[in-house]
Amino acid sequence: MFMGEYNHTIDAKGRLIIPSKFRDSLGEEFVVTKGLDGCLFVYDNKEWSAFEEKLKSLPLTNKDARQFVRFFLAGATLAEVDKQGRILVPANLREFAGLEKEVVLVGVASRVEIWSKARWEDAASYDDVEEIAEHMAELGLGI
């Protein structure tokens, strides 16, 4: 399970250090793709295979399903960790997530999210967490 928040920088070539705690679980090779909320999602190979199976099970006749599948698969890339613990984030993914210099890597149970620091600060505002907790209770997550 991934958890925690780590601040790092991405260099001009798009190289990003993956925290060792995440690398231990991700392995030497894993998948990076476009994520929701303007971040990138990172999956280890086992989680990616499970996610891919769910995507493949969506009905081809449903337009929203086709767009959803395209969103995740067209942007997906296999990332390999170099000897310094870095990956190369392709330009299209850096542009999508607004990654320029300061980034935040966040563990979210089955995946890691890569955020631009500015977007993370906007997204991580928990002013309405009590209201969100009420909605989670409706989904069966009681605290």
N, C-alpha and C. Protein backbone atom coordinates (compact mmCIF):
# COMPACT_ATOMS: atom_id res chain seq x y z
N MET A 1 0.85 -1.17 0.00
CA MET A 1 0.00 0.00 0.00
C MET A 1 0.90 1.25 0.00
N PHE A 2 0.52 2.19 -0.81
CA PHE A 2 1.27 3.44 -0.90
C PHE A 2 0.64 4.50 0.00
N MET A 3 1.49 5.21 0.74
CA MET A 3 0.99 6.32 1.56
C MET A 3 2.13 7.30 1.78
N GLY A 4 1.78 8.50 2.12
CA GLY A 4 2.78 9.53 2.37
C GLY A 4 2.82 10.57 1.28
N GLU A 5 3.50 11.66 1.58
CA GLU A 5 3.63 12.80 0.67
C GLU A 5 5.10 13.21 0.64
N TYR A 6 5.64 13.33 -0.59
CA TYR A 6 7.05 13.64 -0.76
C TYR A 6 7.21 14.77 -1.76
N ASN A 7 8.01 15.77 -1.40
CA ASN A 7 8.30 16.89 -2.29
C ASN A 7 9.63 16.65 -2.99
N HIS A 8 9.61 16.82 -4.30
CA HIS A 8 10.81 16.64 -5.12
C HIS A 8 10.81 17.68 -6.22
N THR A 9 11.87 17.65 -7.03
CA THR A 9 11.92 18.50 -8.21
C THR A 9 12.08 17.63 -9.44
N ILE A 10 11.59 18.15 -10.55
CA ILE A 10 11.76 17.49 -11.84
C ILE A 10 12.71 18.38 -12.64
N ASP A 11 13.71 17.78 -13.29
CA ASP A 11 14.68 18.61 -14.00
C ASP A 11 14.18 18.96 -15.40
N ALA A 12 14.94 19.76 -16.11
CA ALA A 12 14.53 20.26 -17.43
C ALA A 12 14.36 19.13 -18.44
N LYS A 13 15.03 18.01 -18.21
CA LYS A 13 14.92 16.86 -19.12
C LYS A 13 13.74 15.96 -18.77
N GLY A 14 13.06 16.28 -17.65
CA GLY A 14 11.90 15.49 -17.25
C GLY A 14 12.23 14.33 -16.33
N ARG A 15 13.41 14.37 -15.71
CA ARG A 15 13.80 13.29 -14.80
C ARG A 15 13.32 13.61 -13.38
N LEU A 16 12.74 12.61 -12.75
CA LEU A 16 12.14 12.78 -11.43
C LEU A 16 12.57 11.64 -10.53
N ILE A 17 13.07 11.97 -9.34
CA ILE A 17 13.43 10.95 -8.36
C ILE A 17 12.15 10.38 -7.75
N ILE A 18 12.06 9.06 -7.73
CA ILE A 18 10.96 8.38 -7.08
C ILE A 18 11.43 8.03 -5.66
N PRO A 19 10.69 8.44 -4.62
CA PRO A 19 11.11 8.13 -3.25
C PRO A 19 11.36 6.64 -3.06
N SER A 20 12.39 6.31 -2.31
CA SER A 20 12.76 4.90 -2.14
C SER A 20 11.62 4.06 -1.56
N LYS A 21 10.82 4.64 -0.69
CA LYS A 21 9.68 3.88 -0.14
C LYS A 21 8.70 3.48 -1.24
N PHE A 22 8.54 4.33 -2.24
CA PHE A 22 7.66 3.98 -3.36
C PHE A 22 8.37 3.02 -4.31
N ARG A 23 9.65 3.25 -4.55
CA ARG A 23 10.42 2.37 -5.46
C ARG A 23 10.41 0.93 -4.97
N ASP A 24 10.50 0.75 -3.67
CA ASP A 24 10.50 -0.61 -3.12
C ASP A 24 9.26 -1.39 -3.54
N SER A 25 8.12 -0.72 -3.58
CA SER A 25 6.87 -1.39 -3.96
C SER A 25 6.62 -1.37 -5.46
N LEU A 26 7.06 -0.31 -6.13
CA LEU A 26 6.82 -0.20 -7.57
C LEU A 26 7.72 -1.13 -8.38
N GLY A 27 8.91 -1.36 -7.91
CA GLY A 27 9.87 -2.15 -8.66
C GLY A 27 10.68 -1.27 -9.60
N GLU A 28 11.43 -1.89 -10.48
CA GLU A 28 12.31 -1.17 -11.41
C GLU A 28 11.56 -0.66 -12.63
N GLU A 29 10.36 -1.17 -12.87
CA GLU A 29 9.58 -0.81 -14.05
C GLU A 29 8.11 -0.75 -13.66
N PHE A 30 7.42 0.31 -14.07
CA PHE A 30 6.02 0.49 -13.71
C PHE A 30 5.37 1.41 -14.72
N VAL A 31 4.08 1.64 -14.57
CA VAL A 31 3.31 2.42 -15.54
C VAL A 31 2.96 3.79 -14.98
N VAL A 32 3.16 4.81 -15.81
CA VAL A 32 2.75 6.18 -15.49
C VAL A 32 1.74 6.59 -16.56
N THR A 33 0.64 7.18 -16.15
CA THR A 33 -0.38 7.60 -17.10
C THR A 33 -1.07 8.86 -16.61
N LYS A 34 -1.89 9.43 -17.48
CA LYS A 34 -2.71 10.58 -17.07
C LYS A 34 -3.63 10.14 -15.95
N GLY A 35 -3.83 11.04 -15.00
CA GLY A 35 -4.73 10.74 -13.90
C GLY A 35 -5.87 11.74 -13.86
N LEU A 36 -6.71 11.57 -12.90
CA LEU A 36 -7.83 12.48 -12.72
C LEU A 36 -7.36 13.68 -11.91
N ASP A 37 -8.08 14.77 -11.97
CA ASP A 37 -7.79 15.99 -11.22
C ASP A 37 -6.50 16.69 -11.66
N GLY A 38 -5.97 16.34 -12.83
CA GLY A 38 -4.79 17.03 -13.36
C GLY A 38 -3.47 16.53 -12.83
N CYS A 39 -3.44 15.30 -12.31
CA CYS A 39 -2.18 14.72 -11.85
C CYS A 39 -1.86 13.50 -12.71
N LEU A 40 -0.76 12.85 -12.41
CA LEU A 40 -0.41 11.59 -13.07
C LEU A 40 -0.64 10.45 -12.09
N PHE A 41 -1.06 9.30 -12.60
CA PHE A 41 -1.21 8.10 -11.80
C PHE A 41 -0.03 7.18 -12.09
N VAL A 42 0.49 6.54 -11.06
CA VAL A 42 1.58 5.59 -11.19
C VAL A 42 1.11 4.26 -10.58
N TYR A 43 1.21 3.19 -11.38
CA TYR A 43 0.79 1.87 -10.93
C TYR A 43 1.93 0.87 -11.04
N ASP A 44 2.06 0.00 -10.04
CA ASP A 44 2.99 -1.11 -10.22
C ASP A 44 2.36 -2.05 -11.26
N ASN A 45 3.12 -2.98 -11.76
CA ASN A 45 2.64 -3.80 -12.87
C ASN A 45 1.41 -4.65 -12.51
N LYS A 46 1.36 -5.13 -11.28
CA LYS A 46 0.20 -5.94 -10.85
C LYS A 46 -1.07 -5.09 -10.82
N GLU A 47 -1.00 -3.90 -10.20
CA GLU A 47 -2.17 -3.01 -10.14
C GLU A 47 -2.57 -2.55 -11.53
N TRP A 48 -1.57 -2.26 -12.38
CA TRP A 48 -1.88 -1.82 -13.74
C TRP A 48 -2.62 -2.92 -14.49
N SER A 49 -2.19 -4.15 -14.37
CA SER A 49 -2.86 -5.27 -15.05
C SER A 49 -4.31 -5.39 -14.60
N ALA A 50 -4.54 -5.24 -13.30
CA ALA A 50 -5.91 -5.30 -12.78
C ALA A 50 -6.75 -4.14 -13.31
N PHE A 51 -6.16 -2.95 -13.35
CA PHE A 51 -6.87 -1.77 -13.86
C PHE A 51 -7.16 -1.93 -15.35
N GLU A 52 -6.18 -2.45 -16.08
CA GLU A 52 -6.34 -2.67 -17.52
C GLU A 52 -7.49 -3.65 -17.80
N GLU A 53 -7.60 -4.69 -16.98
CA GLU A 53 -8.69 -5.66 -17.14
C GLU A 53 -10.04 -4.99 -16.93
N LYS A 54 -10.11 -4.10 -15.94
CA LYS A 54 -11.36 -3.37 -15.71
C LYS A 54 -11.70 -2.49 -16.92
N LEU A 55 -10.68 -1.84 -17.47
CA LEU A 55 -10.90 -0.99 -18.64
C LEU A 55 -11.37 -1.82 -19.83
N LYS A 56 -10.76 -3.00 -20.02
CA LYS A 56 -11.14 -3.86 -21.14
C LYS A 56 -12.55 -4.40 -21.01
N SER A 57 -13.05 -4.46 -19.78
CA SER A 57 -14.40 -4.99 -19.56
C SER A 57 -15.49 -3.97 -19.86
N LEU A 58 -15.12 -2.71 -20.06
CA LEU A 58 -16.12 -1.68 -20.36
C LEU A 58 -16.69 -1.90 -21.75
N PRO A 59 -17.96 -1.59 -21.95
CA PRO A 59 -18.60 -1.85 -23.24
C PRO A 59 -18.07 -0.93 -24.35
N LEU A 60 -17.65 -1.54 -25.42
CA LEU A 60 -17.13 -0.82 -26.57
C LEU A 60 -18.21 0.06 -27.22
N THR A 61 -19.46 -0.27 -27.01
CA THR A 61 -20.56 0.47 -27.62
C THR A 61 -20.90 1.75 -26.87
N ASN A 62 -20.31 1.94 -25.69
CA ASN A 62 -20.60 3.12 -24.88
C ASN A 62 -19.53 4.18 -25.15
N LYS A 63 -19.95 5.35 -25.64
CA LYS A 63 -19.02 6.41 -26.01
C LYS A 63 -18.19 6.88 -24.82
N ASP A 64 -18.81 7.08 -23.65
CA ASP A 64 -18.07 7.51 -22.46
C ASP A 64 -17.02 6.47 -22.07
N ALA A 65 -17.37 5.20 -22.18
CA ALA A 65 -16.42 4.13 -21.85
C ALA A 65 -15.23 4.17 -22.80
N ARG A 66 -15.48 4.36 -24.08
CA ARG A 66 -14.38 4.44 -25.06
C ARG A 66 -13.46 5.61 -24.75
N GLN A 67 -14.03 6.76 -24.42
CA GLN A 67 -13.21 7.93 -24.10
C GLN A 67 -12.42 7.71 -22.82
N PHE A 68 -13.03 7.08 -21.85
CA PHE A 68 -12.38 6.80 -20.58
C PHE A 68 -11.17 5.89 -20.79
N VAL A 69 -11.36 4.83 -21.58
CA VAL A 69 -10.27 3.90 -21.88
C VAL A 69 -9.15 4.61 -22.63
N ARG A 70 -9.50 5.41 -23.63
CA ARG A 70 -8.49 6.16 -24.39
C ARG A 70 -7.69 7.09 -23.49
N PHE A 71 -8.38 7.76 -22.59
CA PHE A 71 -7.73 8.71 -21.70
C PHE A 71 -6.58 8.05 -20.94
N PHE A 72 -6.85 6.89 -20.36
CA PHE A 72 -5.83 6.23 -19.56
C PHE A 72 -4.79 5.49 -20.40
N LEU A 73 -5.22 4.81 -21.45
CA LEU A 73 -4.27 3.98 -22.21
C LEU A 73 -3.42 4.77 -23.19
N ALA A 74 -3.97 5.79 -23.83
CA ALA A 74 -3.19 6.56 -24.80
C ALA A 74 -2.07 7.33 -24.12
N GLY A 75 -2.28 7.72 -22.89
CA GLY A 75 -1.25 8.48 -22.17
C GLY A 75 -0.29 7.62 -21.38
N ALA A 76 -0.52 6.31 -21.35
CA ALA A 76 0.28 5.43 -20.51
C ALA A 76 1.66 5.19 -21.09
N THR A 77 2.64 5.10 -20.20
CA THR A 77 4.01 4.80 -20.61
C THR A 77 4.66 3.92 -19.55
N LEU A 78 5.58 3.09 -20.00
CA LEU A 78 6.34 2.26 -19.09
C LEU A 78 7.54 3.06 -18.61
N ALA A 79 7.66 3.21 -17.31
CA ALA A 79 8.77 3.98 -16.73
C ALA A 79 9.79 3.01 -16.15
N GLU A 80 11.06 3.31 -16.38
CA GLU A 80 12.14 2.50 -15.84
C GLU A 80 13.00 3.37 -14.93
N VAL A 81 13.32 2.84 -13.77
CA VAL A 81 14.13 3.56 -12.79
C VAL A 81 15.60 3.45 -13.17
N ASP A 82 16.30 4.59 -13.21
CA ASP A 82 17.74 4.57 -13.52
C ASP A 82 18.53 4.34 -12.22
N LYS A 83 19.85 4.35 -12.32
CA LYS A 83 20.71 4.06 -11.17
C LYS A 83 20.61 5.11 -10.07
N GLN A 84 20.14 6.31 -10.40
CA GLN A 84 19.97 7.36 -9.39
C GLN A 84 18.55 7.36 -8.80
N GLY A 85 17.73 6.38 -9.16
CA GLY A 85 16.37 6.31 -8.63
C GLY A 85 15.40 7.23 -9.34
N ARG A 86 15.73 7.63 -10.57
CA ARG A 86 14.89 8.57 -11.31
C ARG A 86 14.16 7.85 -12.45
N ILE A 87 13.05 8.47 -12.86
CA ILE A 87 12.37 8.05 -14.09
C ILE A 87 12.34 9.26 -15.02
N LEU A 88 12.12 8.99 -16.28
CA LEU A 88 11.93 10.05 -17.26
C LEU A 88 10.44 10.18 -17.51
N VAL A 89 9.89 11.34 -17.19
CA VAL A 89 8.47 11.60 -17.43
C VAL A 89 8.37 12.23 -18.82
N PRO A 90 7.67 11.58 -19.76
CA PRO A 90 7.57 12.12 -21.11
C PRO A 90 6.96 13.52 -21.14
N ALA A 91 7.33 14.29 -22.15
CA ALA A 91 6.88 15.68 -22.27
C ALA A 91 5.36 15.79 -22.27
N ASN A 92 4.66 14.88 -22.96
CA ASN A 92 3.20 14.97 -23.00
C ASN A 92 2.57 14.81 -21.63
N LEU A 93 3.14 13.96 -20.80
CA LEU A 93 2.61 13.78 -19.44
C LEU A 93 2.99 14.95 -18.53
N ARG A 94 4.20 15.48 -18.72
CA ARG A 94 4.59 16.68 -17.94
C ARG A 94 3.66 17.83 -18.26
N GLU A 95 3.36 18.00 -19.54
CA GLU A 95 2.48 19.10 -19.95
C GLU A 95 1.08 18.90 -19.39
N PHE A 96 0.55 17.67 -19.49
CA PHE A 96 -0.79 17.38 -18.98
C PHE A 96 -0.91 17.73 -17.49
N ALA A 97 0.10 17.35 -16.70
CA ALA A 97 0.04 17.55 -15.25
C ALA A 97 0.63 18.89 -14.80
N GLY A 98 1.13 19.69 -15.74
CA GLY A 98 1.71 20.98 -15.39
C GLY A 98 2.99 20.87 -14.58
N LEU A 99 3.76 19.81 -14.82
CA LEU A 99 5.00 19.60 -14.06
C LEU A 99 6.11 20.45 -14.65
N GLU A 100 6.64 21.35 -13.83
CA GLU A 100 7.71 22.22 -14.30
C GLU A 100 8.95 22.10 -13.43
N LYS A 101 8.85 22.34 -12.16
CA LYS A 101 10.02 22.27 -11.28
C LYS A 101 9.68 21.51 -10.00
N GLU A 102 8.82 22.09 -9.18
CA GLU A 102 8.47 21.46 -7.91
C GLU A 102 7.29 20.52 -8.09
N VAL A 103 7.46 19.29 -7.61
CA VAL A 103 6.40 18.29 -7.71
C VAL A 103 6.18 17.64 -6.36
N VAL A 104 5.03 17.03 -6.22
CA VAL A 104 4.68 16.30 -5.01
C VAL A 104 4.25 14.91 -5.42
N LEU A 105 4.83 13.89 -4.80
CA LEU A 105 4.43 12.51 -5.02
C LEU A 105 3.64 12.07 -3.80
N VAL A 106 2.46 11.50 -4.05
CA VAL A 106 1.54 11.17 -2.97
C VAL A 106 1.14 9.70 -3.09
N GLY A 107 1.27 8.97 -1.99
CA GLY A 107 0.81 7.59 -1.96
C GLY A 107 -0.68 7.55 -1.68
N VAL A 108 -1.42 6.85 -2.55
CA VAL A 108 -2.88 6.77 -2.41
C VAL A 108 -3.30 5.30 -2.53
N ALA A 109 -2.97 4.52 -1.51
CA ALA A 109 -3.32 3.10 -1.42
C ALA A 109 -2.71 2.28 -2.57
N SER A 110 -3.44 2.11 -3.67
CA SER A 110 -3.00 1.22 -4.75
C SER A 110 -2.18 1.91 -5.82
N ARG A 111 -1.95 3.21 -5.69
CA ARG A 111 -1.20 3.95 -6.70
C ARG A 111 -0.46 5.12 -6.05
N VAL A 112 0.42 5.69 -6.85
CA VAL A 112 1.11 6.92 -6.48
C VAL A 112 0.59 7.99 -7.42
N GLU A 113 0.42 9.20 -6.92
CA GLU A 113 0.03 10.32 -7.77
C GLU A 113 1.19 11.30 -7.83
N ILE A 114 1.42 11.86 -9.02
CA ILE A 114 2.44 12.89 -9.21
C ILE A 114 1.73 14.19 -9.54
N TRP A 115 1.96 15.20 -8.73
CA TRP A 115 1.28 16.49 -8.86
C TRP A 115 2.31 17.61 -9.03
N SER A 116 1.92 18.65 -9.76
CA SER A 116 2.70 19.88 -9.67
C SER A 116 2.41 20.42 -8.27
N LYS A 117 3.39 21.05 -7.67
CA LYS A 117 3.21 21.54 -6.29
C LYS A 117 2.03 22.50 -6.21
N ALA A 118 1.88 23.39 -7.19
CA ALA A 118 0.78 24.36 -7.16
C ALA A 118 -0.58 23.67 -7.23
N ARG A 119 -0.71 22.70 -8.11
CA ARG A 119 -1.99 21.97 -8.21
C ARG A 119 -2.27 21.18 -6.95
N TRP A 120 -1.22 20.57 -6.37
CA TRP A 120 -1.40 19.81 -5.14
C TRP A 120 -1.89 20.71 -4.01
N GLU A 121 -1.33 21.89 -3.89
CA GLU A 121 -1.75 22.80 -2.83
C GLU A 121 -3.22 23.19 -3.00
N ASP A 122 -3.67 23.34 -4.24
CA ASP A 122 -5.09 23.62 -4.47
C ASP A 122 -5.95 22.41 -4.16
N ALA A 123 -5.51 21.22 -4.61
CA ALA A 123 -6.30 20.00 -4.45
C ALA A 123 -6.32 19.51 -3.01
N ALA A 124 -5.26 19.77 -2.26
CA ALA A 124 -5.13 19.23 -0.91
C ALA A 124 -5.72 20.17 0.15
N SER A 125 -6.60 21.05 -0.26
CA SER A 125 -7.29 21.91 0.69
C SER A 125 -8.45 21.11 1.28
N TYR A 126 -8.39 20.88 2.56
CA TYR A 126 -9.38 20.02 3.20
C TYR A 126 -10.37 20.81 4.05
N ASP A 127 -10.73 21.99 3.56
CA ASP A 127 -11.66 22.83 4.31
C ASP A 127 -13.03 22.18 4.48
N ASP A 128 -13.40 21.32 3.51
CA ASP A 128 -14.73 20.70 3.54
C ASP A 128 -14.66 19.21 3.85
N VAL A 129 -13.66 18.77 4.61
CA VAL A 129 -13.47 17.35 4.86
C VAL A 129 -14.64 16.74 5.64
N GLU A 130 -15.29 17.50 6.49
CA GLU A 130 -16.43 16.95 7.22
C GLU A 130 -17.58 16.62 6.26
N GLU A 131 -17.81 17.49 5.30
CA GLU A 131 -18.85 17.24 4.31
C GLU A 131 -18.48 16.04 3.44
N ILE A 132 -17.23 15.95 3.07
CA ILE A 132 -16.77 14.81 2.28
C ILE A 132 -16.94 13.52 3.08
N ALA A 133 -16.63 13.56 4.38
CA ALA A 133 -16.78 12.39 5.24
C ALA A 133 -18.23 11.91 5.27
N GLU A 134 -19.17 12.84 5.28
CA GLU A 134 -20.58 12.47 5.24
C GLU A 134 -20.91 11.72 3.96
N HIS A 135 -20.37 12.18 2.83
CA HIS A 135 -20.61 11.49 1.55
C HIS A 135 -19.96 10.11 1.54
N MET A 136 -18.81 9.99 2.19
CA MET A 136 -18.14 8.69 2.25
C MET A 136 -18.96 7.73 3.10
N ALA A 137 -19.60 8.23 4.14
CA ALA A 137 -20.47 7.39 4.95
C ALA A 137 -21.63 6.86 4.12
N GLU A 138 -22.14 7.68 3.21
CA GLU A 138 -23.21 7.23 2.31
C GLU A 138 -22.74 6.11 1.39
N LEU A 139 -21.42 6.09 1.11
CA LEU A 139 -20.84 5.05 0.26
C LEU A 139 -20.42 3.82 1.07
N GLY A 140 -20.70 3.86 2.38
CA GLY A 140 -20.41 2.72 3.21
C GLY A 140 -19.11 2.78 3.99
N LEU A 141 -18.43 3.92 3.95
CA LEU A 141 -17.18 4.07 4.69
C LEU A 141 -17.46 4.86 5.95
N GLY A 142 -17.75 4.18 7.00
CA GLY A 142 -17.99 4.83 8.29
C GLY A 142 -16.68 4.94 9.05
N ILE A 143 -16.50 6.07 9.71
CA ILE A 143 -15.26 6.25 10.47
C ILE A 143 -15.54 6.09 11.94
